Amino acid sequence: PEPTQAPTEAPTTKPTPTIPPAKEVCKEAKADLAFLVDGSWSIGDDNFMKITHFLYSTMGSLDLIGPDGTQVCHMIIPTTMSIQPIF
């Protein structure tokens, strides 16, 4: 029989960050960003939490939120629609 080979070293890759940094090309950009969110609970708790995490990570990656950068609003659409802070 052949001898057992020595184990290989564990990979040294860094884990991806949960909130990506703003891209250099976007740092000076001004934009209006709106999110439409299903709030009827027909999507279930797990999917609603996925949406919530997406919103936090997306907004966390913006360099500047406000009149001098990206203005953000979200609309929660349950049985009837309500608008949260508008542009």
PDB file of N, CA and C in Angstrom:
ATOM      1  N   PRO A   1       0.821  -1.199   0.000  1.00  0.00           N
ATOM      2  CA  PRO A   1       0.000   0.000   0.000  1.00  0.00           C
ATOM      3  C   PRO A   1       0.868   1.267   0.000  1.00  0.00           C
ATOM      4  N   GLU A   2       0.279   2.327  -0.539  1.00  0.00           N
ATOM      5  CA  GLU A   2       0.978   3.615  -0.597  1.00  0.00           C
ATOM      6  C   GLU A   2       0.863   4.339   0.744  1.00  0.00           C
ATOM      7  N   PRO A   3       1.888   5.104   1.102  1.00  0.00           N
ATOM      8  CA  PRO A   3       1.820   5.850   2.371  1.00  0.00           C
ATOM      9  C   PRO A   3       0.789   6.979   2.281  1.00  0.00           C
ATOM     10  N   THR A   4       0.221   7.321   3.410  1.00  0.00           N
ATOM     11  CA  THR A   4      -0.757   8.418   3.479  1.00  0.00           C
ATOM     12  C   THR A   4      -0.040   9.739   3.289  1.00  0.00           C
ATOM     13  N   GLN A   5      -0.600  10.591   2.438  1.00  0.00           N
ATOM     14  CA  GLN A   5       0.018  11.889   2.189  1.00  0.00           C
ATOM     15  C   GLN A   5      -0.293  12.852   3.332  1.00  0.00           C
ATOM     16  N   ALA A   6       0.601  13.805   3.516  1.00  0.00           N
ATOM     17  CA  ALA A   6       0.414  14.822   4.561  1.00  0.00           C
ATOM     18  C   ALA A   6      -0.801  15.684   4.220  1.00  0.00           C
ATOM     19  N   PRO A   7      -1.540  16.136   5.233  1.00  0.00           N
ATOM     20  CA  PRO A   7      -2.714  16.977   4.952  1.00  0.00           C
ATOM     21  C   PRO A   7      -2.289  18.317   4.365  1.00  0.00           C
ATOM     22  N   THR A   8      -3.155  18.889   3.550  1.00  0.00           N
ATOM     23  CA  THR A   8      -2.883  20.205   2.968  1.00  0.00           C
ATOM     24  C   THR A   8      -3.254  21.284   3.976  1.00  0.00           C
ATOM     25  N   GLU A   9      -2.669  22.464   3.802  1.00  0.00           N
ATOM     26  CA  GLU A   9      -2.970  23.573   4.712  1.00  0.00           C
ATOM     27  C   GLU A   9      -4.362  24.124   4.411  1.00  0.00           C
ATOM     28  N   ALA A  10      -4.996  24.670   5.434  1.00  0.00           N
ATOM     29  CA  ALA A  10      -6.323  25.278   5.269  1.00  0.00           C
ATOM     30  C   ALA A  10      -6.202  26.534   4.416  1.00  0.00           C
ATOM     31  N   PRO A  11      -7.224  26.838   3.603  1.00  0.00           N
ATOM     32  CA  PRO A  11      -7.165  28.051   2.783  1.00  0.00           C
ATOM     33  C   PRO A  11      -7.091  29.297   3.658  1.00  0.00           C
ATOM     34  N   THR A  12      -6.427  30.318   3.165  1.00  0.00           N
ATOM     35  CA  THR A  12      -6.253  31.556   3.931  1.00  0.00           C
ATOM     36  C   THR A  12      -7.072  32.704   3.356  1.00  0.00           C
ATOM     37  N   THR A  13      -8.160  32.403   2.679  1.00  0.00           N
ATOM     38  CA  THR A  13      -8.985  33.459   2.106  1.00  0.00           C
ATOM     39  C   THR A  13      -9.765  34.162   3.214  1.00  0.00           C
ATOM     40  N   LYS A  14      -9.962  35.458   3.026  1.00  0.00           N
ATOM     41  CA  LYS A  14     -10.714  36.237   4.004  1.00  0.00           C
ATOM     42  C   LYS A  14     -12.208  36.073   3.732  1.00  0.00           C
ATOM     43  N   PRO A  15     -13.035  36.024   4.776  1.00  0.00           N
ATOM     44  CA  PRO A  15     -14.476  35.960   4.543  1.00  0.00           C
ATOM     45  C   PRO A  15     -14.971  37.282   3.957  1.00  0.00           C
ATOM     46  N   THR A  16     -15.990  37.219   3.136  1.00  0.00           N
ATOM     47  CA  THR A  16     -16.535  38.437   2.546  1.00  0.00           C
ATOM     48  C   THR A  16     -17.212  39.265   3.631  1.00  0.00           C
ATOM     49  N   PRO A  17     -17.079  40.589   3.569  1.00  0.00           N
ATOM     50  CA  PRO A  17     -17.715  41.431   4.581  1.00  0.00           C
ATOM     51  C   PRO A  17     -19.239  41.389   4.433  1.00  0.00           C
ATOM     52  N   THR A  18     -19.931  41.605   5.531  1.00  0.00           N
ATOM     53  CA  THR A  18     -21.390  41.587   5.464  1.00  0.00           C
ATOM     54  C   THR A  18     -21.931  42.875   4.860  1.00  0.00           C
ATOM     55  N   ILE A  19     -21.216  43.986   5.040  1.00  0.00           N
ATOM     56  CA  ILE A  19     -21.614  45.251   4.418  1.00  0.00           C
ATOM     57  C   ILE A  19     -20.464  45.699   3.533  1.00  0.00           C
ATOM     58  N   PRO A  20     -20.668  45.667   2.205  1.00  0.00           N
ATOM     59  CA  PRO A  20     -19.564  46.044   1.312  1.00  0.00           C
ATOM     60  C   PRO A  20     -19.288  47.543   1.385  1.00  0.00           C
ATOM     61  N   PRO A  21     -18.034  47.938   1.214  1.00  0.00           N
ATOM     62  CA  PRO A  21     -17.723  49.372   1.221  1.00  0.00           C
ATOM     63  C   PRO A  21     -18.261  50.037  -0.042  1.00  0.00           C
ATOM     64  N   ALA A  22     -18.505  51.341   0.040  1.00  0.00           N
ATOM     65  CA  ALA A  22     -18.971  52.083  -1.134  1.00  0.00           C
ATOM     66  C   ALA A  22     -17.883  52.059  -2.197  1.00  0.00           C
ATOM     67  N   LYS A  23     -18.285  51.869  -3.432  1.00  0.00           N
ATOM     68  CA  LYS A  23     -17.321  51.857  -4.527  1.00  0.00           C
ATOM     69  C   LYS A  23     -16.827  53.281  -4.777  1.00  0.00           C
ATOM     70  N   GLU A  24     -15.563  53.397  -5.138  1.00  0.00           N
ATOM     71  CA  GLU A  24     -14.968  54.720  -5.353  1.00  0.00           C
ATOM     72  C   GLU A  24     -15.759  55.538  -6.359  1.00  0.00           C
ATOM     73  N   VAL A  25     -16.212  54.901  -7.419  1.00  0.00           N
ATOM     74  CA  VAL A  25     -16.917  55.630  -8.468  1.00  0.00           C
ATOM     75  C   VAL A  25     -18.262  56.162  -7.970  1.00  0.00           C
ATOM     76  N   CYS A  26     -18.824  55.568  -6.930  1.00  0.00           N
ATOM     77  CA  CYS A  26     -20.138  55.964  -6.432  1.00  0.00           C
ATOM     78  C   CYS A  26     -20.076  56.939  -5.263  1.00  0.00           C
ATOM     79  N   LYS A  27     -18.911  57.178  -4.727  1.00  0.00           N
ATOM     80  CA  LYS A  27     -18.826  57.981  -3.508  1.00  0.00           C
ATOM     81  C   LYS A  27     -19.352  59.396  -3.680  1.00  0.00           C
ATOM     82  N   GLU A  28     -19.181  59.990  -4.827  1.00  0.00           N
ATOM     83  CA  GLU A  28     -19.634  61.358  -5.051  1.00  0.00           C
ATOM     84  C   GLU A  28     -21.000  61.427  -5.726  1.00  0.00           C
ATOM     85  N   ALA A  29     -21.583  60.282  -6.023  1.00  0.00           N
ATOM     86  CA  ALA A  29     -22.852  60.259  -6.757  1.00  0.00           C
ATOM     87  C   ALA A  29     -24.018  60.680  -5.878  1.00  0.00           C
ATOM     88  N   LYS A  30     -24.992  61.348  -6.488  1.00  0.00           N
ATOM     89  CA  LYS A  30     -26.245  61.668  -5.815  1.00  0.00           C
ATOM     90  C   LYS A  30     -27.325  60.838  -6.497  1.00  0.00           C
ATOM     91  N   ALA A  31     -28.215  60.282  -5.715  1.00  0.00           N
ATOM     92  CA  ALA A  31     -29.262  59.436  -6.281  1.00  0.00           C
ATOM     93  C   ALA A  31     -30.466  59.428  -5.351  1.00  0.00           C
ATOM     94  N   ASP A  32     -31.594  59.053  -5.903  1.00  0.00           N
ATOM     95  CA  ASP A  32     -32.801  58.793  -5.129  1.00  0.00           C
ATOM     96  C   ASP A  32     -33.046  57.295  -5.208  1.00  0.00           C
ATOM     97  N   LEU A  33     -33.207  56.657  -4.078  1.00  0.00           N
ATOM     98  CA  LEU A  33     -33.347  55.216  -4.023  1.00  0.00           C
ATOM     99  C   LEU A  33     -34.607  54.875  -3.242  1.00  0.00           C
ATOM    100  N   ALA A  34     -35.489  54.089  -3.851  1.00  0.00           N
ATOM    101  CA  ALA A  34     -36.745  53.702  -3.195  1.00  0.00           C
ATOM    102  C   ALA A  34     -36.832  52.182  -3.126  1.00  0.00           C
ATOM    103  N   PHE A  35     -37.273  51.680  -1.995  1.00  0.00           N
ATOM    104  CA  PHE A  35     -37.483  50.253  -1.798  1.00  0.00           C
ATOM    105  C   PHE A  35     -38.967  49.997  -1.588  1.00  0.00           C
ATOM    106  N   LEU A  36     -39.519  49.031  -2.301  1.00  0.00           N
ATOM    107  CA  LEU A  36     -40.891  48.573  -2.094  1.00  0.00           C
ATOM    108  C   LEU A  36     -40.816  47.257  -1.345  1.00  0.00           C
ATOM    109  N   VAL A  37     -41.454  47.187  -0.178  1.00  0.00           N
ATOM    110  CA  VAL A  37     -41.344  46.017   0.681  1.00  0.00           C
ATOM    111  C   VAL A  37     -42.731  45.429   0.917  1.00  0.00           C
ATOM    112  N   ASP A  38     -42.861  44.134   0.684  1.00  0.00           N
ATOM    113  CA  ASP A  38     -44.116  43.428   0.953  1.00  0.00           C
ATOM    114  C   ASP A  38     -44.255  43.283   2.461  1.00  0.00           C
ATOM    115  N   GLY A  39     -45.238  43.936   3.039  1.00  0.00           N
ATOM    116  CA  GLY A  39     -45.449  43.878   4.476  1.00  0.00           C
ATOM    117  C   GLY A  39     -46.699  43.108   4.852  1.00  0.00           C
ATOM    118  N   SER A  40     -47.244  42.338   3.932  1.00  0.00           N
ATOM    119  CA  SER A  40     -48.504  41.634   4.189  1.00  0.00           C
ATOM    120  C   SER A  40     -48.304  40.327   4.936  1.00  0.00           C
ATOM    121  N   TRP A  41     -47.078  39.904   5.138  1.00  0.00           N
ATOM    122  CA  TRP A  41     -46.713  38.653   5.784  1.00  0.00           C
ATOM    123  C   TRP A  41     -47.076  37.429   4.959  1.00  0.00           C
ATOM    124  N   SER A  42     -47.524  37.629   3.712  1.00  0.00           N
ATOM    125  CA  SER A  42     -47.778  36.477   2.846  1.00  0.00           C
ATOM    126  C   SER A  42     -46.465  35.809   2.434  1.00  0.00           C
ATOM    127  N   ILE A  43     -45.355  36.512   2.583  1.00  0.00           N
ATOM    128  CA  ILE A  43     -44.049  35.951   2.220  1.00  0.00           C
ATOM    129  C   ILE A  43     -43.421  35.173   3.369  1.00  0.00           C
ATOM    130  N   GLY A  44     -43.961  35.290   4.564  1.00  0.00           N
ATOM    131  CA  GLY A  44     -43.456  34.536   5.710  1.00  0.00           C
ATOM    132  C   GLY A  44     -42.349  35.253   6.454  1.00  0.00           C
ATOM    133  N   ASP A  45     -42.112  34.813   7.676  1.00  0.00           N
ATOM    134  CA  ASP A  45     -41.109  35.439   8.543  1.00  0.00           C
ATOM    135  C   ASP A  45     -39.700  35.358   7.967  1.00  0.00           C
ATOM    136  N   ASP A  46     -39.310  34.193   7.460  1.00  0.00           N
ATOM    137  CA  ASP A  46     -37.936  34.012   6.962  1.00  0.00           C
ATOM    138  C   ASP A  46     -37.633  34.940   5.791  1.00  0.00           C
ATOM    139  N   ASN A  47     -38.552  35.019   4.832  1.00  0.00           N
ATOM    140  CA  ASN A  47     -38.317  35.882   3.676  1.00  0.00           C
ATOM    141  C   ASN A  47     -38.363  37.356   4.064  1.00  0.00           C
ATOM    142  N   PHE A  48     -39.215  37.717   5.017  1.00  0.00           N
ATOM    143  CA  PHE A  48     -39.245  39.105   5.473  1.00  0.00           C
ATOM    144  C   PHE A  48     -37.915  39.472   6.132  1.00  0.00           C
ATOM    145  N   MET A  49     -37.331  38.552   6.882  1.00  0.00           N
ATOM    146  CA  MET A  49     -36.026  38.816   7.508  1.00  0.00           C
ATOM    147  C   MET A  49     -34.928  38.931   6.452  1.00  0.00           C
ATOM    148  N   LYS A  50     -35.020  38.143   5.379  1.00  0.00           N
ATOM    149  CA  LYS A  50     -34.042  38.264   4.287  1.00  0.00           C
ATOM    150  C   LYS A  50     -34.118  39.654   3.671  1.00  0.00           C
ATOM    151  N   ILE A  51     -35.330  40.143   3.478  1.00  0.00           N
ATOM    152  CA  ILE A  51     -35.516  41.489   2.920  1.00  0.00           C
ATOM    153  C   ILE A  51     -34.930  42.531   3.867  1.00  0.00           C
ATOM    154  N   THR A  52     -35.198  42.375   5.156  1.00  0.00           N
ATOM    155  CA  THR A  52     -34.681  43.311   6.153  1.00  0.00           C
ATOM    156  C   THR A  52     -33.153  43.336   6.136  1.00  0.00           C
ATOM    157  N   HIS A  53     -32.520  42.184   6.087  1.00  0.00           N
ATOM    158  CA  HIS A  53     -31.052  42.118   6.031  1.00  0.00           C
ATOM    159  C   HIS A  53     -30.534  42.751   4.745  1.00  0.00           C
ATOM    160  N   PHE A  54     -31.227  42.528   3.632  1.00  0.00           N
ATOM    161  CA  PHE A  54     -30.819  43.143   2.362  1.00  0.00           C
ATOM    162  C   PHE A  54     -30.857  44.665   2.467  1.00  0.00           C
ATOM    163  N   LEU A  55     -31.941  45.204   3.051  1.00  0.00           N
ATOM    164  CA  LEU A  55     -32.057  46.656   3.187  1.00  0.00           C
ATOM    165  C   LEU A  55     -30.939  47.219   4.060  1.00  0.00           C
ATOM    166  N   TYR A  56     -30.670  46.580   5.202  1.00  0.00           N
ATOM    167  CA  TYR A  56     -29.602  47.051   6.077  1.00  0.00           C
ATOM    168  C   TYR A  56     -28.249  47.012   5.383  1.00  0.00           C
ATOM    169  N   SER A  57     -27.942  45.931   4.680  1.00  0.00           N
ATOM    170  CA  SER A  57     -26.632  45.830   4.037  1.00  0.00           C
ATOM    171  C   SER A  57     -26.516  46.804   2.868  1.00  0.00           C
ATOM    172  N   THR A  58     -27.600  47.009   2.123  1.00  0.00           N
ATOM    173  CA  THR A  58     -27.563  47.944   1.004  1.00  0.00           C
ATOM    174  C   THR A  58     -27.373  49.369   1.502  1.00  0.00           C
ATOM    175  N   MET A  59     -28.160  49.756   2.493  1.00  0.00           N
ATOM    176  CA  MET A  59     -28.038  51.123   3.013  1.00  0.00           C
ATOM    177  C   MET A  59     -26.716  51.321   3.741  1.00  0.00           C
ATOM    178  N   GLY A  60     -26.211  50.274   4.374  1.00  0.00           N
ATOM    179  CA  GLY A  60     -24.935  50.378   5.059  1.00  0.00           C
ATOM    180  C   GLY A  60     -23.766  50.568   4.119  1.00  0.00           C
ATOM    181  N   SER A  61     -23.923  50.183   2.859  1.00  0.00           N
ATOM    182  CA  SER A  61     -22.833  50.328   1.899  1.00  0.00           C
ATOM    183  C   SER A  61     -22.836  51.697   1.226  1.00  0.00           C
ATOM    184  N   LEU A  62     -23.869  52.501   1.466  1.00  0.00           N
ATOM    185  CA  LEU A  62     -23.914  53.838   0.867  1.00  0.00           C
ATOM    186  C   LEU A  62     -22.969  54.762   1.621  1.00  0.00           C
ATOM    187  N   ASP A  63     -22.262  55.592   0.883  1.00  0.00           N
ATOM    188  CA  ASP A  63     -21.265  56.469   1.476  1.00  0.00           C
ATOM    189  C   ASP A  63     -21.911  57.622   2.240  1.00  0.00           C
ATOM    190  N   LEU A  64     -22.952  58.235   1.676  1.00  0.00           N
ATOM    191  CA  LEU A  64     -23.590  59.386   2.294  1.00  0.00           C
ATOM    192  C   LEU A  64     -25.080  59.321   2.021  1.00  0.00           C
ATOM    193  N   ILE A  65     -25.874  59.303   3.077  1.00  0.00           N
ATOM    194  CA  ILE A  65     -27.328  59.297   2.938  1.00  0.00           C
ATOM    195  C   ILE A  65     -27.845  60.660   3.347  1.00  0.00           C
ATOM    196  N   GLY A  66     -28.604  61.309   2.463  1.00  0.00           N
ATOM    197  CA  GLY A  66     -29.161  62.627   2.749  1.00  0.00           C
ATOM    198  C   GLY A  66     -29.169  63.484   1.500  1.00  0.00           C
ATOM    199  N   PRO A  67     -29.542  64.752   1.631  1.00  0.00           N
ATOM    200  CA  PRO A  67     -29.654  65.640   0.469  1.00  0.00           C
ATOM    201  C   PRO A  67     -28.367  65.785  -0.340  1.00  0.00           C
ATOM    202  N   ASP A  68     -27.219  65.622   0.299  1.00  0.00           N
ATOM    203  CA  ASP A  68     -25.948  65.762  -0.419  1.00  0.00           C
ATOM    204  C   ASP A  68     -25.430  64.453  -0.983  1.00  0.00           C
ATOM    205  N   GLY A  69     -26.165  63.360  -0.776  1.00  0.00           N
ATOM    206  CA  GLY A  69     -25.740  62.048  -1.274  1.00  0.00           C
ATOM    207  C   GLY A  69     -26.927  61.293  -1.826  1.00  0.00           C
ATOM    208  N   THR A  70     -27.145  60.095  -1.324  1.00  0.00           N
ATOM    209  CA  THR A  70     -28.265  59.271  -1.753  1.00  0.00           C
ATOM    210  C   THR A  70     -29.436  59.484  -0.807  1.00  0.00           C
ATOM    211  N   GLN A  71     -30.574  59.836  -1.366  1.00  0.00           N
ATOM    212  CA  GLN A  71     -31.788  59.969  -0.569  1.00  0.00           C
ATOM    213  C   GLN A  71     -32.543  58.653  -0.671  1.00  0.00           C
ATOM    214  N   VAL A  72     -32.965  58.131   0.467  1.00  0.00           N
ATOM    215  CA  VAL A  72     -33.552  56.804   0.532  1.00  0.00           C
ATOM    216  C   VAL A  72     -34.944  56.876   1.137  1.00  0.00           C
ATOM    217  N   CYS A  73     -35.863  56.102   0.559  1.00  0.00           N
ATOM    218  CA  CYS A  73     -37.172  55.923   1.182  1.00  0.00           C
ATOM    219  C   CYS A  73     -37.574  54.470   0.993  1.00  0.00           C
ATOM    220  N   HIS A  74     -38.521  54.042   1.799  1.00  0.00           N
ATOM    221  CA  HIS A  74     -39.057  52.694   1.592  1.00  0.00           C
ATOM    222  C   HIS A  74     -40.564  52.747   1.726  1.00  0.00           C
ATOM    223  N   MET A  75     -41.224  51.922   0.937  1.00  0.00           N
ATOM    224  CA  MET A  75     -42.669  51.806   0.979  1.00  0.00           C
ATOM    225  C   MET A  75     -43.004  50.396   1.413  1.00  0.00           C
ATOM    226  N   ILE A  76     -43.784  50.288   2.480  1.00  0.00           N
ATOM    227  CA  ILE A  76     -44.238  48.990   2.944  1.00  0.00           C
ATOM    228  C   ILE A  76     -45.626  48.780   2.360  1.00  0.00           C
ATOM    229  N   ILE A  77     -45.783  47.683   1.631  1.00  0.00           N
ATOM    230  CA  ILE A  77     -47.045  47.425   0.949  1.00  0.00           C
ATOM    231  C   ILE A  77     -47.760  46.252   1.620  1.00  0.00           C
ATOM    232  N   PRO A  78     -48.635  46.533   2.600  1.00  0.00           N
ATOM    233  CA  PRO A  78     -49.464  45.476   3.178  1.00  0.00           C
ATOM    234  C   PRO A  78     -50.771  45.411   2.401  1.00  0.00           C
ATOM    235  N   THR A  79     -51.880  45.222   3.074  1.00  0.00           N
ATOM    236  CA  THR A  79     -53.173  45.243   2.399  1.00  0.00           C
ATOM    237  C   THR A  79     -53.427  46.627   1.806  1.00  0.00           C
ATOM    238  N   THR A  80     -53.073  47.666   2.551  1.00  0.00           N
ATOM    239  CA  THR A  80     -53.115  49.037   2.038  1.00  0.00           C
ATOM    240  C   THR A  80     -51.703  49.579   2.079  1.00  0.00           C
ATOM    241  N   MET A  81     -51.385  50.511   1.222  1.00  0.00           N
ATOM    242  CA  MET A  81     -50.019  50.999   1.115  1.00  0.00           C
ATOM    243  C   MET A  81     -49.823  52.241   1.972  1.00  0.00           C
ATOM    244  N   SER A  82     -48.673  52.325   2.653  1.00  0.00           N
ATOM    245  CA  SER A  82     -48.284  53.531   3.375  1.00  0.00           C
ATOM    246  C   SER A  82     -46.882  53.897   2.950  1.00  0.00           C
ATOM    247  N   ILE A  83     -46.613  55.184   2.858  1.00  0.00           N
ATOM    248  CA  ILE A  83     -45.290  55.650   2.436  1.00  0.00           C
ATOM    249  C   ILE A  83     -44.553  56.148   3.656  1.00  0.00           C
ATOM    250  N   GLN A  84     -43.338  55.630   3.857  1.00  0.00           N
ATOM    251  CA  GLN A  84     -42.476  56.096   4.931  1.00  0.00           C
ATOM    252  C   GLN A  84     -41.732  57.321   4.373  1.00  0.00           C
ATOM    253  N   PRO A  85     -40.790  57.908   5.078  1.00  0.00           N
ATOM    254  CA  PRO A  85     -40.192  59.171   4.649  1.00  0.00           C
ATOM    255  C   PRO A  85     -39.991  59.275   3.132  1.00  0.00           C
ATOM    256  N   ILE A  86     -40.520  60.341   2.561  1.00  0.00           N
ATOM    257  CA  ILE A  86     -40.424  60.539   1.113  1.00  0.00           C
ATOM    258  C   ILE A  86     -39.232  61.408   0.785  1.00  0.00           C
ATOM    259  N   PHE A  87     -38.872  61.448  -0.482  1.00  0.00           N
ATOM    260  CA  PHE A  87     -37.706  62.215  -0.933  1.00  0.00           C
ATOM    261  C   PHE A  87     -37.920  63.688  -0.682  1.00  0.00           C
TER     262      PHE A  87
END
